[in-house]
Amino acid sequence: MSLAAETPWPQVVKATPLEQYQLQVLLNSGEQWLIDLKPLIQRRDAYWRLRQDRYFRQVGIDPLGALCWPEGEDLAPESLIRYRSL
């Protein structure tokens, strides 16, 4: 039984933290994206904890396929495309 809920949007199934506030993510569709969160983290005060590399590396995935961190920061899967590096 899968813990992930069925959703109409793509879900992150794996997230690997990289250098410079980047993540390698695998979606339930099989696509792999490189996500660059540096602009978001630098621009939005709500993400101040993510500026600490040790905390940034604690990224997890919630049951709806969103990226999340221990203190409540999260990013919806459908919003990740704007941070995708091509």
PDB file of N, CA and C in Angstrom:
ATOM      1  N   MET A   1       0.834  -1.179   0.000  1.00  0.00           N
ATOM      2  CA  MET A   1       0.000   0.000   0.000  1.00  0.00           C
ATOM      3  C   MET A   1       0.874   1.236   0.000  1.00  0.00           C
ATOM      4  N   SER A   2       0.600   2.168  -0.867  1.00  0.00           N
ATOM      5  CA  SER A   2       1.358   3.411  -0.964  1.00  0.00           C
ATOM      6  C   SER A   2       0.823   4.434   0.029  1.00  0.00           C
ATOM      7  N   LEU A   3       1.728   5.181   0.633  1.00  0.00           N
ATOM      8  CA  LEU A   3       1.313   6.234   1.552  1.00  0.00           C
ATOM      9  C   LEU A   3       0.864   7.494   0.819  1.00  0.00           C
ATOM     10  N   ALA A   4       1.276   7.653  -0.430  1.00  0.00           N
ATOM     11  CA  ALA A   4       0.924   8.842  -1.199  1.00  0.00           C
ATOM     12  C   ALA A   4      -0.543   8.796  -1.608  1.00  0.00           C
ATOM     13  N   ALA A   5      -1.190   9.936  -1.537  1.00  0.00           N
ATOM     14  CA  ALA A   5      -2.584  10.056  -1.957  1.00  0.00           C
ATOM     15  C   ALA A   5      -2.630  10.219  -3.472  1.00  0.00           C
ATOM     16  N   GLU A   6      -3.736   9.806  -4.065  1.00  0.00           N
ATOM     17  CA  GLU A   6      -3.928  10.023  -5.494  1.00  0.00           C
ATOM     18  C   GLU A   6      -4.277  11.491  -5.721  1.00  0.00           C
ATOM     19  N   THR A   7      -3.560  12.129  -6.633  1.00  0.00           N
ATOM     20  CA  THR A   7      -3.778  13.549  -6.914  1.00  0.00           C
ATOM     21  C   THR A   7      -3.758  13.793  -8.420  1.00  0.00           C
ATOM     22  N   PRO A   8      -4.377  14.886  -8.878  1.00  0.00           N
ATOM     23  CA  PRO A   8      -4.349  15.204 -10.304  1.00  0.00           C
ATOM     24  C   PRO A   8      -3.060  15.915 -10.726  1.00  0.00           C
ATOM     25  N   TRP A   9      -2.201  16.253  -9.795  1.00  0.00           N
ATOM     26  CA  TRP A   9      -0.953  16.941 -10.121  1.00  0.00           C
ATOM     27  C   TRP A   9       0.222  15.977  -9.941  1.00  0.00           C
ATOM     28  N   PRO A  10       1.360  16.323 -10.543  1.00  0.00           N
ATOM     29  CA  PRO A  10       2.528  15.460 -10.371  1.00  0.00           C
ATOM     30  C   PRO A  10       3.000  15.470  -8.919  1.00  0.00           C
ATOM     31  N   GLN A  11       3.481  14.332  -8.466  1.00  0.00           N
ATOM     32  CA  GLN A  11       3.963  14.212  -7.097  1.00  0.00           C
ATOM     33  C   GLN A  11       5.466  13.957  -7.088  1.00  0.00           C
ATOM     34  N   VAL A  12       6.149  14.553  -6.154  1.00  0.00           N
ATOM     35  CA  VAL A  12       7.556  14.253  -5.938  1.00  0.00           C
ATOM     36  C   VAL A  12       7.613  12.931  -5.176  1.00  0.00           C
ATOM     37  N   VAL A  13       8.428  12.007  -5.668  1.00  0.00           N
ATOM     38  CA  VAL A  13       8.593  10.733  -4.979  1.00  0.00           C
ATOM     39  C   VAL A  13       9.989  10.585  -4.387  1.00  0.00           C
ATOM     40  N   LYS A  14      10.914  11.429  -4.846  1.00  0.00           N
ATOM     41  CA  LYS A  14      12.269  11.415  -4.299  1.00  0.00           C
ATOM     42  C   LYS A  14      12.857  12.806  -4.460  1.00  0.00           C
ATOM     43  N   ALA A  15      13.539  13.284  -3.430  1.00  0.00           N
ATOM     44  CA  ALA A  15      14.197  14.589  -3.473  1.00  0.00           C
ATOM     45  C   ALA A  15      15.599  14.445  -2.898  1.00  0.00           C
ATOM     46  N   THR A  16      16.579  14.836  -3.690  1.00  0.00           N
ATOM     47  CA  THR A  16      17.971  14.765  -3.269  1.00  0.00           C
ATOM     48  C   THR A  16      18.536  16.175  -3.205  1.00  0.00           C
ATOM     49  N   PRO A  17      18.946  16.633  -2.026  1.00  0.00           N
ATOM     50  CA  PRO A  17      19.516  17.974  -1.921  1.00  0.00           C
ATOM     51  C   PRO A  17      20.906  18.034  -2.557  1.00  0.00           C
ATOM     52  N   LEU A  18      21.153  19.130  -3.247  1.00  0.00           N
ATOM     53  CA  LEU A  18      22.439  19.382  -3.891  1.00  0.00           C
ATOM     54  C   LEU A  18      23.008  20.694  -3.345  1.00  0.00           C
ATOM     55  N   GLU A  19      24.100  21.143  -3.910  1.00  0.00           N
ATOM     56  CA  GLU A  19      24.709  22.411  -3.502  1.00  0.00           C
ATOM     57  C   GLU A  19      23.900  23.598  -4.020  1.00  0.00           C
ATOM     58  N   GLN A  20      24.128  24.751  -3.407  1.00  0.00           N
ATOM     59  CA  GLN A  20      23.562  26.021  -3.868  1.00  0.00           C
ATOM     60  C   GLN A  20      22.033  26.026  -3.914  1.00  0.00           C
ATOM     61  N   TYR A  21      21.392  25.408  -2.928  1.00  0.00           N
ATOM     62  CA  TYR A  21      19.927  25.400  -2.807  1.00  0.00           C
ATOM     63  C   TYR A  21      19.228  24.738  -3.992  1.00  0.00           C
ATOM     64  N   GLN A  22      19.840  23.704  -4.516  1.00  0.00           N
ATOM     65  CA  GLN A  22      19.233  22.950  -5.606  1.00  0.00           C
ATOM     66  C   GLN A  22      18.805  21.579  -5.103  1.00  0.00           C
ATOM     67  N   LEU A  23      17.784  21.049  -5.761  1.00  0.00           N
ATOM     68  CA  LEU A  23      17.284  19.708  -5.466  1.00  0.00           C
ATOM     69  C   LEU A  23      17.141  18.931  -6.764  1.00  0.00           C
ATOM     70  N   GLN A  24      17.501  17.670  -6.735  1.00  0.00           N
ATOM     71  CA  GLN A  24      17.189  16.763  -7.832  1.00  0.00           C
ATOM     72  C   GLN A  24      15.926  16.042  -7.399  1.00  0.00           C
ATOM     73  N   VAL A  25      14.841  16.177  -8.159  1.00  0.00           N
ATOM     74  CA  VAL A  25      13.593  15.533  -7.774  1.00  0.00           C
ATOM     75  C   VAL A  25      13.151  14.537  -8.837  1.00  0.00           C
ATOM     76  N   LEU A  26      12.559  13.478  -8.368  1.00  0.00           N
ATOM     77  CA  LEU A  26      11.959  12.470  -9.236  1.00  0.00           C
ATOM     78  C   LEU A  26      10.464  12.560  -9.021  1.00  0.00           C
ATOM     79  N   LEU A  27       9.717  12.700 -10.106  1.00  0.00           N
ATOM     80  CA  LEU A  27       8.262  12.779 -10.037  1.00  0.00           C
ATOM     81  C   LEU A  27       7.648  11.408 -10.264  1.00  0.00           C
ATOM     82  N   ASN A  28       6.398  11.255  -9.857  1.00  0.00           N
ATOM     83  CA  ASN A  28       5.707   9.973 -10.030  1.00  0.00           C
ATOM     84  C   ASN A  28       5.509   9.620 -11.505  1.00  0.00           C
ATOM     85  N   SER A  29       5.688  10.586 -12.401  1.00  0.00           N
ATOM     86  CA  SER A  29       5.601  10.332 -13.842  1.00  0.00           C
ATOM     87  C   SER A  29       6.885   9.730 -14.395  1.00  0.00           C
ATOM     88  N   GLY A  30       7.946   9.713 -13.566  1.00  0.00           N
ATOM     89  CA  GLY A  30       9.242   9.219 -14.014  1.00  0.00           C
ATOM     90  C   GLY A  30      10.188  10.337 -14.436  1.00  0.00           C
ATOM     91  N   GLU A  31       9.664  11.557 -14.570  1.00  0.00           N
ATOM     92  CA  GLU A  31      10.516  12.685 -14.942  1.00  0.00           C
ATOM     93  C   GLU A  31      11.444  13.042 -13.790  1.00  0.00           C
ATOM     94  N   GLN A  32      12.658  13.485 -14.151  1.00  0.00           N
ATOM     95  CA  GLN A  32      13.603  13.995 -13.162  1.00  0.00           C
ATOM     96  C   GLN A  32      13.848  15.468 -13.466  1.00  0.00           C
ATOM     97  N   TRP A  33      13.749  16.288 -12.444  1.00  0.00           N
ATOM     98  CA  TRP A  33      13.956  17.722 -12.595  1.00  0.00           C
ATOM     99  C   TRP A  33      15.040  18.185 -11.658  1.00  0.00           C
ATOM    100  N   LEU A  34      15.785  19.188 -12.107  1.00  0.00           N
ATOM    101  CA  LEU A  34      16.697  19.917 -11.250  1.00  0.00           C
ATOM    102  C   LEU A  34      15.963  21.188 -10.841  1.00  0.00           C
ATOM    103  N   ILE A  35      15.760  21.363  -9.547  1.00  0.00           N
ATOM    104  CA  ILE A  35      15.008  22.498  -9.012  1.00  0.00           C
ATOM    105  C   ILE A  35      15.991  23.453  -8.342  1.00  0.00           C
ATOM    106  N   ASP A  36      15.976  24.715  -8.748  1.00  0.00           N
ATOM    107  CA  ASP A  36      16.845  25.732  -8.160  1.00  0.00           C
ATOM    108  C   ASP A  36      15.996  26.645  -7.280  1.00  0.00           C
ATOM    109  N   LEU A  37      16.123  26.482  -5.975  1.00  0.00           N
ATOM    110  CA  LEU A  37      15.320  27.262  -5.033  1.00  0.00           C
ATOM    111  C   LEU A  37      16.032  28.505  -4.518  1.00  0.00           C
ATOM    112  N   LYS A  38      17.229  28.771  -5.003  1.00  0.00           N
ATOM    113  CA  LYS A  38      17.992  29.920  -4.517  1.00  0.00           C
ATOM    114  C   LYS A  38      17.226  31.240  -4.640  1.00  0.00           C
ATOM    115  N   PRO A  39      16.610  31.549  -5.794  1.00  0.00           N
ATOM    116  CA  PRO A  39      15.866  32.821  -5.886  1.00  0.00           C
ATOM    117  C   PRO A  39      14.729  32.914  -4.866  1.00  0.00           C
ATOM    118  N   LEU A  40      14.015  31.829  -4.658  1.00  0.00           N
ATOM    119  CA  LEU A  40      12.908  31.819  -3.703  1.00  0.00           C
ATOM    120  C   LEU A  40      13.413  32.019  -2.276  1.00  0.00           C
ATOM    121  N   ILE A  41      14.439  31.290  -1.917  1.00  0.00           N
ATOM    122  CA  ILE A  41      14.973  31.354  -0.561  1.00  0.00           C
ATOM    123  C   ILE A  41      15.539  32.732  -0.252  1.00  0.00           C
ATOM    124  N   GLN A  42      16.196  33.338  -1.218  1.00  0.00           N
ATOM    125  CA  GLN A  42      16.777  34.665  -0.997  1.00  0.00           C
ATOM    126  C   GLN A  42      15.723  35.765  -0.977  1.00  0.00           C
ATOM    127  N   ARG A  43      14.644  35.586  -1.700  1.00  0.00           N
ATOM    128  CA  ARG A  43      13.617  36.620  -1.850  1.00  0.00           C
ATOM    129  C   ARG A  43      12.560  36.580  -0.746  1.00  0.00           C
ATOM    130  N   ARG A  44      12.203  35.431  -0.262  1.00  0.00           N
ATOM    131  CA  ARG A  44      11.078  35.282   0.670  1.00  0.00           C
ATOM    132  C   ARG A  44      11.556  35.033   2.087  1.00  0.00           C
ATOM    133  N   ASP A  45      11.231  35.916   2.995  1.00  0.00           N
ATOM    134  CA  ASP A  45      11.631  35.768   4.393  1.00  0.00           C
ATOM    135  C   ASP A  45      11.014  34.537   5.050  1.00  0.00           C
ATOM    136  N   ALA A  46       9.899  34.070   4.555  1.00  0.00           N
ATOM    137  CA  ALA A  46       9.242  32.893   5.127  1.00  0.00           C
ATOM    138  C   ALA A  46      10.128  31.643   5.027  1.00  0.00           C
ATOM    139  N   TYR A  47      11.096  31.661   4.125  1.00  0.00           N
ATOM    140  CA  TYR A  47      11.982  30.517   3.923  1.00  0.00           C
ATOM    141  C   TYR A  47      13.363  30.742   4.530  1.00  0.00           C
ATOM    142  N   TRP A  48      13.471  31.599   5.534  1.00  0.00           N
ATOM    143  CA  TRP A  48      14.768  31.948   6.111  1.00  0.00           C
ATOM    144  C   TRP A  48      15.512  30.732   6.659  1.00  0.00           C
ATOM    145  N   ARG A  49      14.827  29.760   7.198  1.00  0.00           N
ATOM    146  CA  ARG A  49      15.515  28.581   7.739  1.00  0.00           C
ATOM    147  C   ARG A  49      16.248  27.801   6.646  1.00  0.00           C
ATOM    148  N   LEU A  50      15.694  27.827   5.436  1.00  0.00           N
ATOM    149  CA  LEU A  50      16.286  27.066   4.337  1.00  0.00           C
ATOM    150  C   LEU A  50      17.632  27.636   3.906  1.00  0.00           C
ATOM    151  N   ARG A  51      17.973  28.827   4.355  1.00  0.00           N
ATOM    152  CA  ARG A  51      19.273  29.427   4.023  1.00  0.00           C
ATOM    153  C   ARG A  51      20.418  28.690   4.711  1.00  0.00           C
ATOM    154  N   GLN A  52      20.090  27.922   5.722  1.00  0.00           N
ATOM    155  CA  GLN A  52      21.100  27.111   6.419  1.00  0.00           C
ATOM    156  C   GLN A  52      21.189  25.752   5.714  1.00  0.00           C
ATOM    157  N   ASP A  53      22.363  25.449   5.179  1.00  0.00           N
ATOM    158  CA  ASP A  53      22.540  24.234   4.393  1.00  0.00           C
ATOM    159  C   ASP A  53      22.119  22.978   5.164  1.00  0.00           C
ATOM    160  N   ARG A  54      22.462  22.919   6.417  1.00  0.00           N
ATOM    161  CA  ARG A  54      22.123  21.744   7.229  1.00  0.00           C
ATOM    162  C   ARG A  54      20.603  21.537   7.300  1.00  0.00           C
ATOM    163  N   TYR A  55      19.871  22.617   7.423  1.00  0.00           N
ATOM    164  CA  TYR A  55      18.405  22.530   7.466  1.00  0.00           C
ATOM    165  C   TYR A  55      17.840  22.227   6.072  1.00  0.00           C
ATOM    166  N   PHE A  56      18.361  22.896   5.046  1.00  0.00           N
ATOM    167  CA  PHE A  56      17.899  22.678   3.672  1.00  0.00           C
ATOM    168  C   PHE A  56      17.972  21.190   3.312  1.00  0.00           C
ATOM    169  N   ARG A  57      19.019  20.520   3.774  1.00  0.00           N
ATOM    170  CA  ARG A  57      19.232  19.104   3.455  1.00  0.00           C
ATOM    171  C   ARG A  57      18.252  18.166   4.163  1.00  0.00           C
ATOM    172  N   GLN A  58      17.418  18.695   5.039  1.00  0.00           N
ATOM    173  CA  GLN A  58      16.414  17.886   5.731  1.00  0.00           C
ATOM    174  C   GLN A  58      15.104  17.798   4.942  1.00  0.00           C
ATOM    175  N   VAL A  59      15.160  18.102   3.665  1.00  0.00           N
ATOM    176  CA  VAL A  59      13.965  18.073   2.820  1.00  0.00           C
ATOM    177  C   VAL A  59      13.291  16.707   2.890  1.00  0.00           C
ATOM    178  N   GLY A  60      11.975  16.740   2.905  1.00  0.00           N
ATOM    179  CA  GLY A  60      11.175  15.528   2.898  1.00  0.00           C
ATOM    180  C   GLY A  60      10.050  15.658   1.888  1.00  0.00           C
ATOM    181  N   ILE A  61       9.207  14.659   1.857  1.00  0.00           N
ATOM    182  CA  ILE A  61       8.073  14.647   0.930  1.00  0.00           C
ATOM    183  C   ILE A  61       6.831  14.314   1.739  1.00  0.00           C
ATOM    184  N   ASP A  62       5.805  15.153   1.617  1.00  0.00           N
ATOM    185  CA  ASP A  62       4.567  14.886   2.364  1.00  0.00           C
ATOM    186  C   ASP A  62       3.681  13.912   1.582  1.00  0.00           C
ATOM    187  N   PRO A  63       2.584  13.438   2.149  1.00  0.00           N
ATOM    188  CA  PRO A  63       1.733  12.441   1.489  1.00  0.00           C
ATOM    189  C   PRO A  63       1.101  12.914   0.171  1.00  0.00           C
ATOM    190  N   LEU A  64       1.066  14.224  -0.072  1.00  0.00           N
ATOM    191  CA  LEU A  64       0.501  14.732  -1.330  1.00  0.00           C
ATOM    192  C   LEU A  64       1.573  14.968  -2.393  1.00  0.00           C
ATOM    193  N   GLY A  65       2.825  14.607  -2.094  1.00  0.00           N
ATOM    194  CA  GLY A  65       3.898  14.745  -3.073  1.00  0.00           C
ATOM    195  C   GLY A  65       4.552  16.107  -3.084  1.00  0.00           C
ATOM    196  N   ALA A  66       4.382  16.880  -2.030  1.00  0.00           N
ATOM    197  CA  ALA A  66       5.009  18.200  -1.935  1.00  0.00           C
ATOM    198  C   ALA A  66       6.328  18.087  -1.181  1.00  0.00           C
ATOM    199  N   LEU A  67       7.228  19.021  -1.454  1.00  0.00           N
ATOM    200  CA  LEU A  67       8.463  19.115  -0.687  1.00  0.00           C
ATOM    201  C   LEU A  67       8.143  19.762   0.644  1.00  0.00           C
ATOM    202  N   CYS A  68       8.770  19.284   1.705  1.00  0.00           N
ATOM    203  CA  CYS A  68       8.512  19.866   3.023  1.00  0.00           C
ATOM    204  C   CYS A  68       9.763  19.769   3.886  1.00  0.00           C
ATOM    205  N   TRP A  69       9.779  20.590   4.937  1.00  0.00           N
ATOM    206  CA  TRP A  69      10.881  20.616   5.893  1.00  0.00           C
ATOM    207  C   TRP A  69      10.303  20.534   7.298  1.00  0.00           C
ATOM    208  N   PRO A  70      11.124  20.189   8.288  1.00  0.00           N
ATOM    209  CA  PRO A  70      10.624  19.908   9.642  1.00  0.00           C
ATOM    210  C   PRO A  70       9.841  21.028  10.328  1.00  0.00           C
ATOM    211  N   GLU A  71      10.155  22.263  10.068  1.00  0.00           N
ATOM    212  CA  GLU A  71       9.476  23.364  10.762  1.00  0.00           C
ATOM    213  C   GLU A  71       8.274  23.913   9.989  1.00  0.00           C
ATOM    214  N   GLY A  72       7.840  23.211   8.939  1.00  0.00           N
ATOM    215  CA  GLY A  72       6.603  23.571   8.257  1.00  0.00           C
ATOM    216  C   GLY A  72       6.729  24.223   6.899  1.00  0.00           C
ATOM    217  N   GLU A  73       7.942  24.555   6.463  1.00  0.00           N
ATOM    218  CA  GLU A  73       8.074  25.104   5.113  1.00  0.00           C
ATOM    219  C   GLU A  73       7.683  24.009   4.114  1.00  0.00           C
ATOM    220  N   ASP A  74       6.992  24.408   3.052  1.00  0.00           N
ATOM    221  CA  ASP A  74       6.643  23.440   2.028  1.00  0.00           C
ATOM    222  C   ASP A  74       6.494  24.128   0.681  1.00  0.00           C
ATOM    223  N   LEU A  75       6.580  23.322  -0.353  1.00  0.00           N
ATOM    224  CA  LEU A  75       6.386  23.781  -1.728  1.00  0.00           C
ATOM    225  C   LEU A  75       5.494  22.782  -2.439  1.00  0.00           C
ATOM    226  N   ALA A  76       4.380  23.262  -2.941  1.00  0.00           N
ATOM    227  CA  ALA A  76       3.436  22.400  -3.655  1.00  0.00           C
ATOM    228  C   ALA A  76       4.077  21.870  -4.935  1.00  0.00           C
ATOM    229  N   PRO A  77       3.815  20.624  -5.279  1.00  0.00           N
ATOM    230  CA  PRO A  77       4.420  20.041  -6.478  1.00  0.00           C
ATOM    231  C   PRO A  77       4.114  20.822  -7.750  1.00  0.00           C
ATOM    232  N   GLU A  78       2.900  21.355  -7.855  1.00  0.00           N
ATOM    233  CA  GLU A  78       2.552  22.078  -9.084  1.00  0.00           C
ATOM    234  C   GLU A  78       3.284  23.405  -9.205  1.00  0.00           C
ATOM    235  N   SER A  79       3.854  23.916  -8.123  1.00  0.00           N
ATOM    236  CA  SER A  79       4.604  25.178  -8.201  1.00  0.00           C
ATOM    237  C   SER A  79       6.078  24.951  -8.542  1.00  0.00           C
ATOM    238  N   LEU A  80       6.534  23.725  -8.518  1.00  0.00           N
ATOM    239  CA  LEU A  80       7.956  23.460  -8.746  1.00  0.00           C
ATOM    240  C   LEU A  80       8.409  23.807 -10.147  1.00  0.00           C
ATOM    241  N   ILE A  81       7.517  23.768 -11.123  1.00  0.00           N
ATOM    242  CA  ILE A  81       7.938  24.002 -12.505  1.00  0.00           C
ATOM    243  C   ILE A  81       8.557  25.388 -12.681  1.00  0.00           C
ATOM    244  N   ARG A  82       8.141  26.365 -11.876  1.00  0.00           N
ATOM    245  CA  ARG A  82       8.725  27.706 -12.024  1.00  0.00           C
ATOM    246  C   ARG A  82      10.156  27.761 -11.533  1.00  0.00           C
ATOM    247  N   TYR A  83      10.594  26.767 -10.760  1.00  0.00           N
ATOM    248  CA  TYR A  83      11.969  26.727 -10.249  1.00  0.00           C
ATOM    249  C   TYR A  83      12.817  25.682 -10.956  1.00  0.00           C
ATOM    250  N   ARG A  84      12.241  25.082 -11.980  1.00  0.00           N
ATOM    251  CA  ARG A  84      12.945  24.039 -12.736  1.00  0.00           C
ATOM    252  C   ARG A  84      14.043  24.665 -13.570  1.00  0.00           C
ATOM    253  N   SER A  85      15.250  24.095 -13.480  1.00  0.00           N
ATOM    254  CA  SER A  85      16.375  24.519 -14.309  1.00  0.00           C
ATOM    255  C   SER A  85      16.373  23.683 -15.572  1.00  0.00           C
ATOM    256  N   LEU A  86      16.490  24.350 -16.682  1.00  0.00           N
ATOM    257  CA  LEU A  86      16.495  23.612 -17.961  1.00  0.00           C
ATOM    258  C   LEU A  86      17.891  23.367 -18.452  1.00  0.00           C
TER     259      LEU A  86
END
